[in-house]
Amino acid sequence: MTESKLHVLVVENNPRDRELIRRGLDTLNVDCTAYEDGPSAVSTYKRNDFDGVILDTEFCQTGEFTRACGTLDDKKNIPIMLYSN
């Protein structure tokens, strides 16, 4: 029986950092969908099921993603990892 891969949403505005995260997740056999802006990420989040979210703290500081995703909790309880570079 094969297990399905985890699917993570990545929100990072820096292309280099986005690629580093994507490569790291790939080595862990985790699929990711990556966006550079909060509104696009939230729109995708609402239409898909993700196992987790990796979010640059810059989006939290500006409020762009957090304002847009007051809806995160109404979908399902998933882990959200915040990071800063």
Protein backbone atom coordinates (compact mmCIF):
# COMPACT_ATOMS: atom_id res chain seq x y z
CA MET A 1 0.00 0.00 0.00
CA THR A 2 1.47 3.34 -1.02
CA GLU A 3 1.04 6.40 1.11
CA SER A 4 0.02 9.62 -0.54
CA LYS A 5 2.56 12.42 -0.49
CA LEU A 6 2.07 15.41 1.74
CA HIS A 7 1.11 18.62 -0.06
CA VAL A 8 2.25 21.93 1.42
CA LEU A 9 1.39 25.50 0.46
CA VAL A 10 4.42 27.81 0.46
CA VAL A 11 4.02 31.61 0.59
CA GLU A 12 7.33 33.39 -0.04
CA ASN A 13 7.92 36.55 -2.07
CA ASN A 14 11.65 35.95 -2.67
CA PRO A 15 12.17 33.67 -5.71
CA ARG A 16 15.50 32.34 -4.40
CA ASP A 17 14.04 31.41 -1.02
CA ARG A 18 10.97 29.90 -2.68
CA GLU A 19 13.23 27.64 -4.74
CA LEU A 20 15.29 26.63 -1.69
CA ILE A 21 12.13 25.66 0.18
CA ARG A 22 10.85 23.75 -2.84
CA ARG A 23 14.13 21.82 -3.13
CA GLY A 24 14.15 21.03 0.59
CA LEU A 25 10.58 19.74 0.47
CA ASP A 26 11.40 17.72 -2.64
CA THR A 27 14.23 15.93 -0.81
CA LEU A 28 11.65 15.01 1.85
CA ASN A 29 9.29 13.72 -0.85
CA VAL A 30 6.75 16.48 -0.09
CA ASP A 31 4.81 18.16 -2.89
CA CYS A 32 4.44 21.91 -2.70
CA THR A 33 2.52 24.66 -4.37
CA ALA A 34 4.35 27.97 -4.04
CA TYR A 35 3.16 31.54 -4.37
CA GLU A 36 4.86 34.90 -4.07
CA ASP A 37 1.84 36.80 -2.80
CA GLY A 38 -0.79 36.30 -0.14
CA PRO A 39 -3.99 36.80 -2.17
CA SER A 40 -3.04 34.18 -4.78
CA ALA A 41 -2.02 31.75 -2.05
CA VAL A 42 -5.27 32.22 -0.14
CA SER A 43 -7.32 31.73 -3.29
CA THR A 44 -5.50 28.46 -3.98
CA TYR A 45 -5.80 27.42 -0.34
CA LYS A 46 -9.56 27.82 -0.46
CA ARG A 47 -9.84 25.62 -3.56
CA ASN A 48 -7.48 22.82 -2.47
CA ASP A 49 -6.63 20.61 0.47
CA PHE A 50 -3.17 21.12 1.93
CA ASP A 51 -1.43 19.25 4.72
CA GLY A 52 0.38 22.38 5.91
CA VAL A 53 1.41 25.95 5.13
CA ILE A 54 4.90 27.45 5.18
CA LEU A 55 4.64 31.21 5.52
CA ASP A 56 7.31 33.91 5.45
CA THR A 57 6.89 36.07 8.55
CA GLU A 58 7.05 39.14 6.29
CA PHE A 59 3.48 38.36 5.24
CA CYS A 60 2.46 38.29 8.90
CA GLN A 61 4.13 41.63 9.59
CA THR A 62 2.43 43.36 6.68
CA GLY A 63 -0.83 41.60 7.43
CA GLU A 64 -1.31 40.77 3.74
CA PHE A 65 -1.69 37.03 4.20
CA THR A 66 -3.18 37.05 7.67
CA ARG A 67 -5.93 39.52 6.69
CA ALA A 68 -6.77 37.43 3.67
CA CYS A 69 -6.74 34.14 5.49
CA GLY A 70 -8.87 34.65 8.49
CA THR A 71 -10.51 31.71 6.71
CA LEU A 72 -7.63 29.30 7.39
CA ASP A 73 -9.26 28.00 10.55
CA ASP A 74 -12.64 27.41 8.97
CA LYS A 75 -11.35 24.77 6.58
CA LYS A 76 -9.46 22.29 8.71
CA ASN A 77 -6.88 22.21 11.41
CA ILE A 78 -3.50 22.17 9.62
CA PRO A 79 -0.03 23.15 10.80
CA ILE A 80 1.24 26.57 9.76
CA MET A 81 5.00 27.05 9.96
CA LEU A 82 6.31 30.60 10.08
CA TYR A 83 9.90 31.39 9.18
CA SER A 84 12.16 34.35 8.63
CA ASN A 85 15.28 34.58 6.52
